[in-house]
Amino acid sequence: MQDYFISVFWSEEDGAYIADIPDLKYCSAHGKTPEEAVAQVQIAKEAWLQSARANGKPIPEPRYRPAIYQAG
């Protein structure tokens, strides 16, 4: 099973690492370390998916990949 791509970057403005799932609109989290940010965004992802299911919203298939991973 393919999972969602997670982007992790340092935010000077927030003073923290940000983990973002581009396929899930507004699904992001932060942490003091990249690992903490990823752990927090996994929790946010589950909440996002649960909310979408409960409200009958469409759940996108994992599809976002940075250009370096695209075949072609």
PDB file of N, CA and C in Angstrom:
ATOM      1  N   MET A   1       0.838  -1.189   0.000  1.00  0.00           N
ATOM      2  CA  MET A   1       0.000   0.000   0.000  1.00  0.00           C
ATOM      3  C   MET A   1       0.876   1.242   0.000  1.00  0.00           C
ATOM      4  N   GLN A   2       0.556   2.143  -0.868  1.00  0.00           N
ATOM      5  CA  GLN A   2       1.288   3.405  -0.966  1.00  0.00           C
ATOM      6  C   GLN A   2       0.774   4.367   0.110  1.00  0.00           C
ATOM      7  N   ASP A   3       1.683   5.061   0.773  1.00  0.00           N
ATOM      8  CA  ASP A   3       1.292   6.017   1.802  1.00  0.00           C
ATOM      9  C   ASP A   3       1.526   7.429   1.275  1.00  0.00           C
ATOM     10  N   TYR A   4       1.060   8.394   2.023  1.00  0.00           N
ATOM     11  CA  TYR A   4       1.197   9.793   1.637  1.00  0.00           C
ATOM     12  C   TYR A   4       2.626  10.286   1.827  1.00  0.00           C
ATOM     13  N   PHE A   5       3.085  11.087   0.891  1.00  0.00           N
ATOM     14  CA  PHE A   5       4.395  11.730   0.969  1.00  0.00           C
ATOM     15  C   PHE A   5       4.367  12.775   2.079  1.00  0.00           C
ATOM     16  N   ILE A   6       5.420  12.835   2.877  1.00  0.00           N
ATOM     17  CA  ILE A   6       5.547  13.823   3.942  1.00  0.00           C
ATOM     18  C   ILE A   6       6.764  14.690   3.648  1.00  0.00           C
ATOM     19  N   SER A   7       6.541  15.981   3.585  1.00  0.00           N
ATOM     20  CA  SER A   7       7.613  16.948   3.406  1.00  0.00           C
ATOM     21  C   SER A   7       7.990  17.498   4.780  1.00  0.00           C
ATOM     22  N   VAL A   8       9.286  17.574   5.065  1.00  0.00           N
ATOM     23  CA  VAL A   8       9.754  18.099   6.350  1.00  0.00           C
ATOM     24  C   VAL A   8      10.754  19.214   6.079  1.00  0.00           C
ATOM     25  N   PHE A   9      10.574  20.336   6.750  1.00  0.00           N
ATOM     26  CA  PHE A   9      11.491  21.462   6.569  1.00  0.00           C
ATOM     27  C   PHE A   9      11.566  22.289   7.844  1.00  0.00           C
ATOM     28  N   TRP A  10      12.638  23.058   7.964  1.00  0.00           N
ATOM     29  CA  TRP A  10      12.833  23.951   9.103  1.00  0.00           C
ATOM     30  C   TRP A  10      12.151  25.279   8.808  1.00  0.00           C
ATOM     31  N   SER A  11      11.400  25.800   9.757  1.00  0.00           N
ATOM     32  CA  SER A  11      10.744  27.101   9.633  1.00  0.00           C
ATOM     33  C   SER A  11      11.371  28.070  10.630  1.00  0.00           C
ATOM     34  N   GLU A  12      12.102  29.054  10.119  1.00  0.00           N
ATOM     35  CA  GLU A  12      12.675  30.092  10.982  1.00  0.00           C
ATOM     36  C   GLU A  12      11.562  30.845  11.704  1.00  0.00           C
ATOM     37  N   GLU A  13      10.495  31.136  10.976  1.00  0.00           N
ATOM     38  CA  GLU A  13       9.370  31.891  11.536  1.00  0.00           C
ATOM     39  C   GLU A  13       8.764  31.190  12.748  1.00  0.00           C
ATOM     40  N   ASP A  14       8.609  29.874  12.652  1.00  0.00           N
ATOM     41  CA  ASP A  14       8.003  29.109  13.741  1.00  0.00           C
ATOM     42  C   ASP A  14       9.031  28.596  14.745  1.00  0.00           C
ATOM     43  N   GLY A  15      10.304  28.594  14.348  1.00  0.00           N
ATOM     44  CA  GLY A  15      11.337  28.057  15.221  1.00  0.00           C
ATOM     45  C   GLY A  15      11.168  26.575  15.468  1.00  0.00           C
ATOM     46  N   ALA A  16      10.715  25.862  14.431  1.00  0.00           N
ATOM     47  CA  ALA A  16      10.444  24.428  14.566  1.00  0.00           C
ATOM     48  C   ALA A  16      10.516  23.764  13.197  1.00  0.00           C
ATOM     49  N   TYR A  17      10.595  22.429  13.224  1.00  0.00           N
ATOM     50  CA  TYR A  17      10.474  21.663  11.989  1.00  0.00           C
ATOM     51  C   TYR A  17       8.998  21.502  11.674  1.00  0.00           C
ATOM     52  N   ILE A  18       8.661  21.622  10.396  1.00  0.00           N
ATOM     53  CA  ILE A  18       7.287  21.466   9.930  1.00  0.00           C
ATOM     54  C   ILE A  18       7.216  20.223   9.068  1.00  0.00           C
ATOM     55  N   ALA A  19       6.236  19.386   9.327  1.00  0.00           N
ATOM     56  CA  ALA A  19       5.951  18.214   8.492  1.00  0.00           C
ATOM     57  C   ALA A  19       4.593  18.460   7.843  1.00  0.00           C
ATOM     58  N   ASP A  20       4.539  18.269   6.540  1.00  0.00           N
ATOM     59  CA  ASP A  20       3.344  18.583   5.757  1.00  0.00           C
ATOM     60  C   ASP A  20       3.022  17.423   4.825  1.00  0.00           C
ATOM     61  N   ILE A  21       1.726  17.132   4.662  1.00  0.00           N
ATOM     62  CA  ILE A  21       1.284  16.111   3.702  1.00  0.00           C
ATOM     63  C   ILE A  21       0.560  16.848   2.579  1.00  0.00           C
ATOM     64  N   PRO A  22       1.243  17.083   1.447  1.00  0.00           N
ATOM     65  CA  PRO A  22       0.656  17.884   0.372  1.00  0.00           C
ATOM     66  C   PRO A  22      -0.668  17.344  -0.185  1.00  0.00           C
ATOM     67  N   ASP A  23      -0.852  16.030  -0.180  1.00  0.00           N
ATOM     68  CA  ASP A  23      -2.094  15.454  -0.713  1.00  0.00           C
ATOM     69  C   ASP A  23      -3.310  15.727   0.169  1.00  0.00           C
ATOM     70  N   LEU A  24      -3.077  16.045   1.441  1.00  0.00           N
ATOM     71  CA  LEU A  24      -4.175  16.292   2.382  1.00  0.00           C
ATOM     72  C   LEU A  24      -4.155  17.771   2.758  1.00  0.00           C
ATOM     73  N   LYS A  25      -5.065  18.519   2.178  1.00  0.00           N
ATOM     74  CA  LYS A  25      -5.084  19.973   2.346  1.00  0.00           C
ATOM     75  C   LYS A  25      -5.072  20.369   3.823  1.00  0.00           C
ATOM     76  N   TYR A  26      -4.143  21.239   4.176  1.00  0.00           N
ATOM     77  CA  TYR A  26      -3.966  21.784   5.526  1.00  0.00           C
ATOM     78  C   TYR A  26      -3.537  20.746   6.559  1.00  0.00           C
ATOM     79  N   CYS A  27      -2.999  19.617   6.149  1.00  0.00           N
ATOM     80  CA  CYS A  27      -2.551  18.606   7.103  1.00  0.00           C
ATOM     81  C   CYS A  27      -1.054  18.791   7.343  1.00  0.00           C
ATOM     82  N   SER A  28      -0.732  19.397   8.478  1.00  0.00           N
ATOM     83  CA  SER A  28       0.662  19.626   8.836  1.00  0.00           C
ATOM     84  C   SER A  28       0.803  19.624  10.350  1.00  0.00           C
ATOM     85  N   ALA A  29       2.053  19.554  10.804  1.00  0.00           N
ATOM     86  CA  ALA A  29       2.350  19.569  12.236  1.00  0.00           C
ATOM     87  C   ALA A  29       3.775  20.071  12.409  1.00  0.00           C
ATOM     88  N   HIS A  30       4.160  20.329  13.641  1.00  0.00           N
ATOM     89  CA  HIS A  30       5.518  20.801  13.892  1.00  0.00           C
ATOM     90  C   HIS A  30       6.136  20.039  15.061  1.00  0.00           C
ATOM     91  N   GLY A  31       7.461  20.166  15.173  1.00  0.00           N
ATOM     92  CA  GLY A  31       8.175  19.533  16.271  1.00  0.00           C
ATOM     93  C   GLY A  31       9.556  20.136  16.443  1.00  0.00           C
ATOM     94  N   LYS A  32      10.187  19.831  17.547  1.00  0.00           N
ATOM     95  CA  LYS A  32      11.546  20.326  17.826  1.00  0.00           C
ATOM     96  C   LYS A  32      12.585  19.632  16.966  1.00  0.00           C
ATOM     97  N   THR A  33      12.268  18.417  16.515  1.00  0.00           N
ATOM     98  CA  THR A  33      13.156  17.646  15.645  1.00  0.00           C
ATOM     99  C   THR A  33      12.351  17.181  14.431  1.00  0.00           C
ATOM    100  N   PRO A  34      13.028  16.802  13.351  1.00  0.00           N
ATOM    101  CA  PRO A  34      12.289  16.264  12.206  1.00  0.00           C
ATOM    102  C   PRO A  34      11.460  15.033  12.584  1.00  0.00           C
ATOM    103  N   GLU A  35      12.020  14.180  13.427  1.00  0.00           N
ATOM    104  CA  GLU A  35      11.315  12.963  13.840  1.00  0.00           C
ATOM    105  C   GLU A  35      10.043  13.293  14.623  1.00  0.00           C
ATOM    106  N   GLU A  36      10.137  14.290  15.489  1.00  0.00           N
ATOM    107  CA  GLU A  36       8.953  14.697  16.253  1.00  0.00           C
ATOM    108  C   GLU A  36       7.888  15.288  15.334  1.00  0.00           C
ATOM    109  N   ALA A  37       8.312  16.071  14.356  1.00  0.00           N
ATOM    110  CA  ALA A  37       7.354  16.648  13.408  1.00  0.00           C
ATOM    111  C   ALA A  37       6.644  15.558  12.612  1.00  0.00           C
ATOM    112  N   VAL A  38       7.386  14.537  12.184  1.00  0.00           N
ATOM    113  CA  VAL A  38       6.783  13.426  11.433  1.00  0.00           C
ATOM    114  C   VAL A  38       5.817  12.648  12.324  1.00  0.00           C
ATOM    115  N   ALA A  39       6.191  12.390  13.560  1.00  0.00           N
ATOM    116  CA  ALA A  39       5.292  11.676  14.473  1.00  0.00           C
ATOM    117  C   ALA A  39       4.000  12.469  14.682  1.00  0.00           C
ATOM    118  N   GLN A  40       4.114  13.775  14.812  1.00  0.00           N
ATOM    119  CA  GLN A  40       2.934  14.613  15.024  1.00  0.00           C
ATOM    120  C   GLN A  40       2.058  14.681  13.774  1.00  0.00           C
ATOM    121  N   VAL A  41       2.688  14.703  12.588  1.00  0.00           N
ATOM    122  CA  VAL A  41       1.869  14.765  11.367  1.00  0.00           C
ATOM    123  C   VAL A  41       1.180  13.424  11.112  1.00  0.00           C
ATOM    124  N   GLN A  42       1.748  12.330  11.594  1.00  0.00           N
ATOM    125  CA  GLN A  42       1.057  11.033  11.485  1.00  0.00           C
ATOM    126  C   GLN A  42      -0.238  11.064  12.304  1.00  0.00           C
ATOM    127  N   ILE A  43      -0.192  11.683  13.474  1.00  0.00           N
ATOM    128  CA  ILE A  43      -1.389  11.839  14.303  1.00  0.00           C
ATOM    129  C   ILE A  43      -2.388  12.740  13.593  1.00  0.00           C
ATOM    130  N   ALA A  44      -1.894  13.830  13.020  1.00  0.00           N
ATOM    131  CA  ALA A  44      -2.765  14.758  12.287  1.00  0.00           C
ATOM    132  C   ALA A  44      -3.393  14.076  11.071  1.00  0.00           C
ATOM    133  N   LYS A  45      -2.613  13.224  10.396  1.00  0.00           N
ATOM    134  CA  LYS A  45      -3.134  12.497   9.224  1.00  0.00           C
ATOM    135  C   LYS A  45      -4.307  11.606   9.626  1.00  0.00           C
ATOM    136  N   GLU A  46      -4.154  10.866  10.706  1.00  0.00           N
ATOM    137  CA  GLU A  46      -5.242   9.989  11.156  1.00  0.00           C
ATOM    138  C   GLU A  46      -6.484  10.797  11.517  1.00  0.00           C
ATOM    139  N   ALA A  47      -6.303  11.945  12.166  1.00  0.00           N
ATOM    140  CA  ALA A  47      -7.443  12.807  12.509  1.00  0.00           C
ATOM    141  C   ALA A  47      -8.091  13.364  11.245  1.00  0.00           C
ATOM    142  N   TRP A  48      -7.270  13.754  10.258  1.00  0.00           N
ATOM    143  CA  TRP A  48      -7.771  14.284   8.995  1.00  0.00           C
ATOM    144  C   TRP A  48      -8.625  13.223   8.296  1.00  0.00           C
ATOM    145  N   LEU A  49      -8.092  12.009   8.196  1.00  0.00           N
ATOM    146  CA  LEU A  49      -8.813  10.925   7.516  1.00  0.00           C
ATOM    147  C   LEU A  49     -10.093  10.558   8.261  1.00  0.00           C
ATOM    148  N   GLN A  50     -10.021  10.489   9.582  1.00  0.00           N
ATOM    149  CA  GLN A  50     -11.206  10.169  10.385  1.00  0.00           C
ATOM    150  C   GLN A  50     -12.291  11.223  10.197  1.00  0.00           C
ATOM    151  N   SER A  51     -11.912  12.475  10.192  1.00  0.00           N
ATOM    152  CA  SER A  51     -12.871  13.563  10.002  1.00  0.00           C
ATOM    153  C   SER A  51     -13.496  13.502   8.610  1.00  0.00           C
ATOM    154  N   ALA A  52     -12.668  13.240   7.599  1.00  0.00           N
ATOM    155  CA  ALA A  52     -13.190  13.146   6.231  1.00  0.00           C
ATOM    156  C   ALA A  52     -14.199  12.008   6.118  1.00  0.00           C
ATOM    157  N   ARG A  53     -13.878  10.859   6.684  1.00  0.00           N
ATOM    158  CA  ARG A  53     -14.805   9.723   6.639  1.00  0.00           C
ATOM    159  C   ARG A  53     -16.108  10.047   7.361  1.00  0.00           C
ATOM    160  N   ALA A  54     -15.996  10.643   8.538  1.00  0.00           N
ATOM    161  CA  ALA A  54     -17.182  10.956   9.347  1.00  0.00           C
ATOM    162  C   ALA A  54     -18.093  11.963   8.665  1.00  0.00           C
ATOM    163  N   ASN A  55     -17.503  12.823   7.844  1.00  0.00           N
ATOM    164  CA  ASN A  55     -18.280  13.871   7.180  1.00  0.00           C
ATOM    165  C   ASN A  55     -18.567  13.581   5.711  1.00  0.00           C
ATOM    166  N   GLY A  56     -18.257  12.364   5.271  1.00  0.00           N
ATOM    167  CA  GLY A  56     -18.538  11.973   3.889  1.00  0.00           C
ATOM    168  C   GLY A  56     -17.729  12.733   2.859  1.00  0.00           C
ATOM    169  N   LYS A  57     -16.562  13.224   3.250  1.00  0.00           N
ATOM    170  CA  LYS A  57     -15.697  13.974   2.326  1.00  0.00           C
ATOM    171  C   LYS A  57     -14.811  12.999   1.558  1.00  0.00           C
ATOM    172  N   PRO A  58     -14.440  13.358   0.330  1.00  0.00           N
ATOM    173  CA  PRO A  58     -13.563  12.477  -0.440  1.00  0.00           C
ATOM    174  C   PRO A  58     -12.162  12.416   0.167  1.00  0.00           C
ATOM    175  N   ILE A  59     -11.577  11.241   0.087  1.00  0.00           N
ATOM    176  CA  ILE A  59     -10.213  11.039   0.569  1.00  0.00           C
ATOM    177  C   ILE A  59      -9.329  10.814  -0.654  1.00  0.00           C
ATOM    178  N   PRO A  60      -8.386  11.722  -0.882  1.00  0.00           N
ATOM    179  CA  PRO A  60      -7.546  11.579  -2.072  1.00  0.00           C
ATOM    180  C   PRO A  60      -6.591  10.392  -1.966  1.00  0.00           C
ATOM    181  N   GLU A  61      -6.320   9.791  -3.104  1.00  0.00           N
ATOM    182  CA  GLU A  61      -5.310   8.743  -3.171  1.00  0.00           C
ATOM    183  C   GLU A  61      -3.942   9.399  -3.012  1.00  0.00           C
ATOM    184  N   PRO A  62      -2.985   8.706  -2.403  1.00  0.00           N
ATOM    185  CA  PRO A  62      -1.620   9.254  -2.354  1.00  0.00           C
ATOM    186  C   PRO A  62      -1.089   9.397  -3.773  1.00  0.00           C
ATOM    187  N   ARG A  63      -0.661  10.599  -4.131  1.00  0.00           N
ATOM    188  CA  ARG A  63      -0.165  10.799  -5.487  1.00  0.00           C
ATOM    189  C   ARG A  63       0.998  11.751  -5.582  1.00  0.00           C
ATOM    190  N   TYR A  64       1.154  12.673  -4.645  1.00  0.00           N
ATOM    191  CA  TYR A  64       2.205  13.674  -4.735  1.00  0.00           C
ATOM    192  C   TYR A  64       3.574  13.023  -4.573  1.00  0.00           C
ATOM    193  N   ARG A  65       4.442  13.316  -5.490  1.00  0.00           N
ATOM    194  CA  ARG A  65       5.833  12.889  -5.399  1.00  0.00           C
ATOM    195  C   ARG A  65       6.690  14.026  -5.924  1.00  0.00           C
ATOM    196  N   PRO A  66       7.769  14.336  -5.239  1.00  0.00           N
ATOM    197  CA  PRO A  66       8.683  15.355  -5.768  1.00  0.00           C
ATOM    198  C   PRO A  66       9.218  14.917  -7.117  1.00  0.00           C
ATOM    199  N   ALA A  67       9.613  15.848  -7.921  1.00  0.00           N
ATOM    200  CA  ALA A  67      10.084  15.564  -9.285  1.00  0.00           C
ATOM    201  C   ALA A  67      11.229  14.554  -9.298  1.00  0.00           C
ATOM    202  N   ILE A  68      12.063  14.539  -8.268  1.00  0.00           N
ATOM    203  CA  ILE A  68      13.203  13.603  -8.284  1.00  0.00           C
ATOM    204  C   ILE A  68      12.762  12.153  -8.197  1.00  0.00           C
ATOM    205  N   TYR A  69      11.519  11.893  -7.764  1.00  0.00           N
ATOM    206  CA  TYR A  69      11.025  10.523  -7.644  1.00  0.00           C
ATOM    207  C   TYR A  69      10.109  10.116  -8.786  1.00  0.00           C
ATOM    208  N   GLN A  70       9.795  11.029  -9.678  1.00  0.00           N
ATOM    209  CA  GLN A  70       8.871  10.717 -10.775  1.00  0.00           C
ATOM    210  C   GLN A  70       9.628  10.014 -11.896  1.00  0.00           C
ATOM    211  N   ALA A  71       8.999   8.963 -12.400  1.00  0.00           N
ATOM    212  CA  ALA A  71       9.598   8.230 -13.523  1.00  0.00           C
ATOM    213  C   ALA A  71       9.292   8.979 -14.806  1.00  0.00           C
ATOM    214  N   GLY A  72      10.159   8.834 -15.755  1.00  0.00           N
ATOM    215  CA  GLY A  72       9.792   9.414 -17.021  1.00  0.00           C
ATOM    216  C   GLY A  72      10.869  10.093 -17.680  1.00  0.00           C
TER     217      GLY A  72
END
